[in-house]
Amino acid sequence: MDRKIEIELPQELYQRLEEQCKNKELTLEEYIIFLLYEGEHSKNQVQHIKKVVIGDLQNMIYKVQKTSLNPSNRVTQNEVNCIPLKAFKGQVPKDLKKKIDFFKKQKTFKEDYFYLLINPTEVVGYSGLDFFEEAMPYGQYGFIYCFDLQKPYLTYKNLKNIFNFLGRMIKEEKIYNMDLSTICCNIPEEVLAKLGFKELSHVKRIYGGIKPEIEYDTILQYKETTKDFNVKEMEGLLPINRVLPISYLQNYWMKSLEVIKLKEISFKQTSNSFILQERKRIQDKIYFYYTIFLNPLDLYDRDVLREIYHILIKEINMEALGEGIIIDIPIEIKDILVEYMTCHKEHSIYWYRKLL
């Protein structure tokens, strides 16, 4: 049964209702009834939307909780961030602690420039920086002496973020070259190229021996002098076989004088050329490993490179050292010199640089 009510409205409101009635072609009474029904309908819609939103939020919360309990899901969803070791408040994994102790013994560890690579819940990698100034063309550079990231996180996006971060840390030191060696950082060449790195040097490390009967394709005229290892005497020279910063090598040799032998070599117009022989034990076998130092300009003279390596091979042959030889040969002359060597295995070592 319908009921009637009477209401008293302000004049302004009454006039607005009349205008709305005309727009909808309704009487005043019909329009008021319409508004009451419409208001109830809107309230029901709001309640329905609230239920839908709350349901969606509950589903999202469930998925997040499920992901946090399942590491295999977390790998694809979480990005890697870089934080300084000094700022890390969590527990450093035992394996990483051992590696840090190793870097400290090698005197490469710098706490202010050692970084952890983390996802929101765990450490998944690490990297360390060091800074050097050498003769040109290397000059000043920040060197990535260690880099390790768990395989599931080795995505281009993560690598780009990590190297951008390391680049910013280097630029803060007013240095604008970021260098790495594949002996310390095993990232594929095509990925490094995509990240903006350019190849500065490439050597082939050859394990083998010198062939017993050699016919040299050039007459070797040179003078050799056995020397005591002296860092100052070799100042300004660069190694042909570029694998690590010079200061790392010098620090190691100064602690290992009993296993190294140094010869100064004079030939043609060159001066201050050195061949350093180092005795190494690898898997219970003795090897002799060689590092050649030249003036920076001679590093890019193919004739000089060919001759100094001929001299090296002759010196090794005279000592009859057998098959336990390791030589790093620049890729430019690799095909020329392998004719003098037997090769058991070989691999490439690259030095890369990114301009910041």
Protein backbone atom coordinates (compact mmCIF):
# COMPACT_ATOMS: atom_id res chain seq x y z
CA MET A 1 0.00 0.00 0.00
CA ASP A 2 1.47 3.36 -1.08
CA ARG A 3 1.89 6.11 1.48
CA LYS A 4 2.08 9.85 1.02
CA ILE A 5 4.55 12.19 2.70
CA GLU A 6 4.87 15.95 2.69
CA ILE A 7 8.28 17.69 2.73
CA GLU A 8 9.21 21.36 2.89
CA LEU A 9 12.12 22.43 0.61
CA PRO A 10 14.15 25.63 0.38
CA GLN A 11 13.15 27.79 -2.58
CA GLU A 12 16.53 27.37 -4.36
CA LEU A 13 16.43 23.57 -4.09
CA TYR A 14 12.82 23.45 -5.23
CA GLN A 15 13.70 25.45 -8.38
CA ARG A 16 16.63 23.09 -9.19
CA LEU A 17 14.32 20.05 -8.82
CA GLU A 18 11.81 21.60 -11.16
CA GLU A 19 14.51 22.17 -13.81
CA GLN A 20 15.65 18.54 -13.53
CA CYS A 21 12.03 17.35 -13.84
CA LYS A 22 11.64 19.21 -17.10
CA ASN A 23 14.93 17.73 -18.46
CA LYS A 24 13.74 14.20 -17.73
CA GLU A 25 10.12 14.92 -18.64
CA LEU A 26 8.89 13.81 -15.23
CA THR A 27 6.58 15.30 -12.63
CA LEU A 28 8.15 16.53 -9.42
CA GLU A 29 6.76 13.54 -7.50
CA GLU A 30 7.98 11.05 -10.14
CA TYR A 31 11.45 12.63 -10.15
CA ILE A 32 11.84 12.41 -6.35
CA ILE A 33 10.85 8.71 -6.46
CA PHE A 34 13.42 8.18 -9.26
CA LEU A 35 16.18 9.74 -7.16
CA LEU A 36 15.42 7.51 -4.20
CA TYR A 37 15.57 4.32 -6.29
CA GLU A 38 18.76 5.49 -8.08
CA GLY A 39 20.50 6.22 -4.78
CA GLU A 40 19.78 2.73 -3.48
CA HIS A 41 21.06 1.22 -6.72
CA SER A 42 24.33 3.19 -6.48
CA LYS A 43 24.83 2.03 -2.90
CA ASN A 44 24.49 -1.60 -4.04
CA GLN A 45 27.00 -0.98 -6.83
CA VAL A 46 29.52 0.43 -4.37
CA GLN A 47 29.13 -2.61 -2.13
CA HIS A 48 29.65 -4.92 -5.10
CA ILE A 49 32.79 -3.10 -6.23
CA LYS A 50 34.20 -3.22 -2.70
CA LYS A 51 33.70 -6.99 -2.62
CA VAL A 52 35.50 -7.41 -5.98
CA VAL A 53 38.47 -5.20 -4.95
CA ILE A 54 38.86 -6.90 -1.56
CA GLY A 55 38.77 -10.30 -3.27
CA ASP A 56 41.48 -9.25 -5.74
CA LEU A 57 43.67 -7.90 -2.94
CA GLN A 58 43.34 -11.16 -1.00
CA ASN A 59 44.41 -13.11 -4.10
CA MET A 60 47.45 -10.84 -4.56
CA ILE A 61 48.47 -11.23 -0.92
CA TYR A 62 48.21 -15.01 -1.26
CA LYS A 63 50.40 -15.01 -4.38
CA VAL A 64 53.07 -12.83 -2.73
CA GLN A 65 53.15 -15.09 0.34
CA LYS A 66 53.39 -18.16 -1.87
CA THR A 67 56.24 -16.62 -3.89
CA SER A 68 58.24 -15.70 -0.79
CA LEU A 69 58.13 -19.32 0.30
CA ASN A 70 59.16 -20.68 -3.11
CA PRO A 71 62.70 -19.66 -4.25
CA SER A 72 62.18 -21.04 -7.76
CA ASN A 73 59.37 -18.52 -8.31
CA ARG A 74 61.36 -15.71 -6.73
CA VAL A 75 64.19 -15.96 -9.28
CA THR A 76 62.08 -14.76 -12.18
CA GLN A 77 60.26 -12.05 -10.22
CA ASN A 78 63.01 -10.31 -8.23
CA GLU A 79 65.68 -8.01 -9.58
CA VAL A 80 69.23 -7.83 -8.27
CA ASN A 81 70.39 -4.73 -6.40
CA CYS A 82 73.90 -3.62 -5.42
CA ILE A 83 74.75 -2.51 -1.90
CA PRO A 84 78.14 -1.84 -0.26
CA LEU A 85 79.32 -4.64 2.01
CA LYS A 86 79.67 -2.07 4.80
CA ALA A 87 75.96 -1.22 4.55
CA PHE A 88 74.76 -4.83 4.62
CA LYS A 89 73.08 -5.72 7.92
CA GLY A 90 72.38 -9.38 7.19
CA GLN A 91 74.49 -12.53 7.46
CA VAL A 92 77.25 -12.87 4.84
CA PRO A 93 77.32 -16.46 3.47
CA LYS A 94 80.25 -18.61 4.68
CA ASP A 95 81.56 -19.25 1.14
CA LEU A 96 81.67 -15.51 0.47
CA LYS A 97 83.49 -14.89 3.76
CA LYS A 98 86.20 -17.31 2.61
CA LYS A 99 86.52 -15.50 -0.70
CA ILE A 100 86.79 -12.14 1.05
CA ASP A 101 89.57 -13.59 3.23
CA PHE A 102 91.31 -14.75 0.03
CA PHE A 103 91.04 -11.27 -1.53
CA LYS A 104 92.46 -9.78 1.66
CA LYS A 105 95.47 -12.11 1.49
CA GLN A 106 95.98 -11.10 -2.15
CA LYS A 107 95.76 -7.44 -1.05
CA THR A 108 93.09 -6.73 -3.64
CA PHE A 109 90.22 -6.30 -1.18
CA LYS A 110 88.99 -2.75 -0.57
CA GLU A 111 86.07 -2.76 1.85
CA ASP A 112 84.75 0.60 0.65
CA TYR A 113 84.51 -0.75 -2.91
CA PHE A 114 83.22 -4.26 -2.33
CA TYR A 115 79.57 -4.78 -3.19
CA LEU A 116 76.99 -7.45 -2.56
CA LEU A 117 74.46 -8.36 -5.24
CA ILE A 118 71.19 -9.17 -3.54
CA ASN A 119 67.57 -9.93 -4.25
CA PRO A 120 65.11 -8.91 -1.51
CA THR A 121 65.92 -11.91 0.69
CA GLU A 122 69.44 -13.24 0.00
CA VAL A 123 72.94 -12.57 -1.34
CA VAL A 124 73.18 -13.92 -4.90
CA GLY A 125 76.56 -12.49 -5.96
CA TYR A 126 79.35 -9.98 -5.34
CA SER A 127 81.76 -7.64 -7.10
CA GLY A 128 84.86 -5.66 -6.17
CA LEU A 129 86.55 -2.54 -7.58
CA ASP A 130 90.13 -1.31 -7.49
CA PHE A 131 91.77 1.74 -9.07
CA PHE A 132 94.98 2.08 -11.08
CA GLU A 133 97.11 4.44 -13.12
CA GLU A 134 99.53 2.97 -15.67
CA ALA A 135 101.36 4.02 -18.81
CA MET A 136 99.19 4.83 -21.79
CA PRO A 137 97.15 3.48 -23.49
CA TYR A 138 95.73 2.16 -20.20
CA GLY A 139 96.09 5.31 -18.11
CA GLN A 140 93.64 5.62 -15.20
CA TYR A 141 90.96 3.00 -14.81
CA GLY A 142 88.66 1.32 -12.34
CA PHE A 143 89.18 -2.43 -12.47
CA ILE A 144 86.56 -5.08 -11.66
CA TYR A 145 88.84 -7.61 -9.98
CA CYS A 146 86.03 -9.99 -9.07
CA PHE A 147 82.50 -10.60 -10.26
CA ASP A 148 80.17 -13.47 -9.49
CA LEU A 149 76.41 -13.76 -9.94
CA GLN A 150 74.29 -16.88 -9.62
CA LYS A 151 73.26 -18.21 -13.02
CA PRO A 152 69.47 -17.71 -12.67
CA TYR A 153 70.09 -13.98 -12.16
CA LEU A 154 72.42 -13.53 -15.17
CA THR A 155 69.91 -11.54 -17.20
CA TYR A 156 70.77 -8.60 -19.40
CA LYS A 157 68.57 -6.31 -17.30
CA ASN A 158 70.37 -7.28 -14.07
CA LEU A 159 73.84 -7.02 -15.66
CA LYS A 160 73.01 -3.60 -17.08
CA ASN A 161 71.87 -2.35 -13.66
CA ILE A 162 74.94 -3.79 -11.93
CA PHE A 163 77.49 -2.34 -14.37
CA ASN A 164 75.72 1.02 -14.41
CA PHE A 165 76.05 1.05 -10.61
CA LEU A 166 79.75 0.10 -10.75
CA GLY A 167 80.31 2.78 -13.39
CA ARG A 168 78.79 5.43 -11.12
CA MET A 169 81.09 4.34 -8.27
CA ILE A 170 84.12 4.68 -10.57
CA LYS A 171 83.06 8.12 -11.83
CA GLU A 172 82.75 9.31 -8.24
CA GLU A 173 86.54 8.81 -8.08
CA LYS A 174 86.96 11.11 -11.14
CA ILE A 175 87.98 8.11 -13.25
CA TYR A 176 86.24 7.47 -16.55
CA ASN A 177 87.39 4.02 -17.68
CA MET A 178 85.90 0.76 -16.39
CA ASP A 179 88.12 -2.26 -17.18
CA LEU A 180 87.81 -5.98 -16.69
CA SER A 181 89.71 -9.11 -17.66
CA THR A 182 87.96 -12.34 -18.54
CA ILE A 183 90.34 -14.08 -16.16
CA CYS A 184 88.35 -12.37 -13.36
CA CYS A 185 84.93 -11.87 -14.93
CA ASN A 186 83.56 -14.62 -17.15
CA ILE A 187 80.75 -12.88 -19.04
CA PRO A 188 80.25 -13.75 -22.73
CA GLU A 189 81.80 -11.38 -25.27
CA GLU A 190 78.48 -10.59 -26.96
CA VAL A 191 76.93 -9.57 -23.63
CA LEU A 192 79.87 -7.30 -22.76
CA ALA A 193 79.61 -5.69 -26.20
CA LYS A 194 75.91 -5.03 -25.62
CA LEU A 195 76.79 -3.46 -22.25
CA GLY A 196 79.18 -1.03 -23.99
CA PHE A 197 82.58 -2.70 -23.45
CA LYS A 198 85.27 -2.64 -26.16
CA GLU A 199 88.13 -5.12 -26.55
CA LEU A 200 91.57 -3.67 -25.71
CA SER A 201 93.64 -6.84 -25.94
CA HIS A 202 93.28 -10.51 -26.77
CA VAL A 203 95.86 -13.21 -26.08
CA LYS A 204 95.82 -16.96 -26.53
CA ARG A 205 97.15 -18.86 -23.51
CA ILE A 206 98.86 -21.97 -24.84
CA TYR A 207 99.87 -24.96 -22.71
CA GLY A 208 102.47 -27.15 -24.38
CA GLY A 209 106.13 -27.30 -25.28
CA ILE A 210 108.68 -26.14 -27.83
CA LYS A 211 109.36 -28.41 -30.80
CA PRO A 212 112.87 -29.88 -30.56
CA GLU A 213 114.09 -28.94 -34.06
CA ILE A 214 113.36 -25.37 -35.03
CA GLU A 215 114.36 -23.43 -38.14
CA TYR A 216 113.91 -19.76 -37.38
CA ASP A 217 112.62 -17.55 -40.17
CA THR A 218 114.81 -14.65 -38.99
CA ILE A 219 118.37 -14.19 -37.75
CA LEU A 220 118.18 -13.41 -34.06
CA GLN A 221 120.66 -10.84 -32.80
CA TYR A 222 120.12 -9.83 -29.23
CA LYS A 223 121.80 -9.43 -25.89
CA GLU A 224 120.45 -10.87 -22.64
CA THR A 225 121.28 -9.93 -19.06
CA THR A 226 120.01 -11.72 -15.97
CA LYS A 227 118.63 -9.19 -13.51
CA ASP A 228 117.22 -9.06 -10.00
CA PHE A 229 113.55 -8.22 -9.96
CA ASN A 230 113.20 -4.46 -9.43
CA VAL A 231 109.87 -2.67 -9.78
CA LYS A 232 111.46 0.75 -10.37
CA GLU A 233 113.65 -0.54 -13.19
CA MET A 234 110.53 -1.76 -15.03
CA GLU A 235 108.53 1.39 -14.39
CA GLY A 236 106.67 2.64 -17.47
CA LEU A 237 106.75 -0.73 -19.23
CA LEU A 238 103.67 -2.77 -20.06
CA PRO A 239 103.16 -6.53 -20.36
CA ILE A 240 102.33 -7.84 -23.82
CA ASN A 241 100.18 -10.53 -22.29
CA ARG A 242 97.63 -8.32 -20.55
CA VAL A 243 95.75 -10.43 -17.98
CA LEU A 244 95.85 -8.46 -14.68
CA PRO A 245 96.82 -4.95 -13.51
CA ILE A 246 100.58 -4.60 -13.28
CA SER A 247 100.60 -3.83 -9.56
CA TYR A 248 98.84 -7.13 -8.80
CA LEU A 249 101.58 -9.00 -10.68
CA GLN A 250 104.37 -6.98 -9.06
CA ASN A 251 103.00 -7.60 -5.55
CA TYR A 252 102.88 -11.34 -6.26
CA TRP A 253 106.39 -11.46 -7.72
CA MET A 254 107.86 -9.50 -4.81
CA LYS A 255 106.52 -12.23 -2.50
CA SER A 256 107.69 -15.03 -4.82
CA LEU A 257 111.25 -14.13 -5.73
CA GLU A 258 112.38 -17.73 -5.30
CA VAL A 259 110.22 -18.89 -8.25
CA ILE A 260 110.94 -16.12 -10.77
CA LYS A 261 113.81 -15.34 -13.10
CA LEU A 262 114.17 -12.06 -14.97
CA LYS A 263 116.18 -11.29 -18.10
CA GLU A 264 116.68 -7.95 -19.79
CA ILE A 265 116.67 -8.28 -23.58
CA SER A 266 118.24 -5.78 -25.98
CA PHE A 267 117.53 -6.14 -29.69
CA LYS A 268 117.19 -3.79 -32.66
CA GLN A 269 116.36 -0.30 -31.45
CA THR A 270 114.32 -1.38 -28.45
CA SER A 271 115.38 -0.81 -24.87
CA ASN A 272 114.15 -1.94 -21.48
CA SER A 273 112.58 -5.16 -22.73
CA PHE A 274 112.22 -7.92 -20.16
CA ILE A 275 111.24 -11.57 -20.10
CA LEU A 276 110.08 -12.85 -16.73
CA GLN A 277 109.95 -16.60 -16.12
CA GLU A 278 107.73 -17.88 -13.30
CA ARG A 279 107.66 -21.45 -12.03
CA LYS A 280 104.11 -22.63 -11.26
CA ARG A 281 102.66 -25.83 -9.85
CA ILE A 282 99.31 -26.72 -11.42
CA GLN A 283 97.66 -30.01 -10.41
CA ASP A 284 100.97 -31.54 -9.26
CA LYS A 285 102.76 -30.58 -12.47
CA ILE A 286 105.47 -27.94 -12.82
CA TYR A 287 104.94 -25.30 -15.53
CA PHE A 288 107.05 -22.35 -16.61
CA TYR A 289 104.96 -19.28 -17.38
CA TYR A 290 106.33 -16.23 -19.21
CA THR A 291 105.50 -12.53 -19.11
CA ILE A 292 107.08 -10.13 -21.61
CA PHE A 293 107.44 -6.40 -20.91
CA LEU A 294 107.94 -3.76 -23.63
CA ASN A 295 107.75 -0.02 -24.04
CA PRO A 296 104.11 0.99 -24.72
CA LEU A 297 104.79 2.02 -28.34
CA ASP A 298 106.41 -1.35 -29.11
CA LEU A 299 103.24 -3.19 -28.06
CA TYR A 300 101.67 -2.28 -31.40
CA ASP A 301 104.69 -3.00 -33.63
CA ARG A 302 104.08 -6.41 -35.18
CA ASP A 303 107.76 -6.82 -36.17
CA VAL A 304 108.89 -6.15 -32.59
CA LEU A 305 106.31 -8.58 -31.23
CA ARG A 306 107.35 -11.29 -33.64
CA GLU A 307 111.02 -10.87 -32.82
CA ILE A 308 110.67 -10.82 -29.03
CA TYR A 309 108.59 -14.02 -29.20
CA HIS A 310 111.22 -15.65 -31.43
CA ILE A 311 113.78 -14.71 -28.78
CA LEU A 312 111.55 -16.16 -26.05
CA ILE A 313 111.14 -19.45 -27.92
CA LYS A 314 114.88 -19.71 -28.51
CA GLU A 315 115.56 -19.09 -24.80
CA ILE A 316 113.05 -21.77 -23.79
CA ASN A 317 114.50 -24.20 -26.33
CA MET A 318 118.01 -23.68 -24.99
CA GLU A 319 116.84 -24.50 -21.46
CA ALA A 320 115.15 -27.73 -22.65
CA LEU A 321 112.18 -27.32 -20.33
CA GLY A 322 110.07 -30.03 -21.95
CA GLU A 323 106.29 -29.88 -22.25
CA GLY A 324 105.51 -27.78 -19.19
CA ILE A 325 105.33 -24.38 -20.88
CA ILE A 326 102.61 -21.70 -20.67
CA ILE A 327 102.82 -18.79 -23.10
CA ASP A 328 100.33 -15.99 -23.72
CA ILE A 329 100.54 -15.02 -27.39
CA PRO A 330 98.89 -11.89 -28.85
CA ILE A 331 96.21 -12.94 -31.28
CA GLU A 332 97.90 -10.84 -34.02
CA ILE A 333 100.90 -13.19 -34.19
CA LYS A 334 99.39 -16.41 -32.85
CA ASP A 335 99.39 -18.18 -36.22
CA ILE A 336 103.06 -17.32 -36.79
CA LEU A 337 104.33 -18.73 -33.52
CA VAL A 338 102.28 -21.87 -32.99
CA GLU A 339 104.41 -23.54 -35.68
CA TYR A 340 107.18 -23.65 -33.08
CA MET A 341 105.05 -25.14 -30.29
CA THR A 342 103.18 -28.29 -29.46
CA CYS A 343 99.83 -27.36 -27.94
CA HIS A 344 97.91 -29.49 -25.43
CA LYS A 345 95.21 -26.93 -24.68
CA GLU A 346 94.53 -23.25 -25.16
CA HIS A 347 92.03 -20.55 -24.26
CA SER A 348 91.53 -16.86 -24.89
CA ILE A 349 91.95 -14.04 -22.38
CA TYR A 350 90.41 -10.67 -23.18
CA TRP A 351 90.83 -7.24 -21.63
CA TYR A 352 87.78 -5.00 -22.03
CA ARG A 353 87.15 -1.33 -21.37
CA LYS A 354 83.99 0.79 -21.13
CA LEU A 355 84.23 4.57 -21.36
CA LEU A 356 82.10 6.24 -18.69
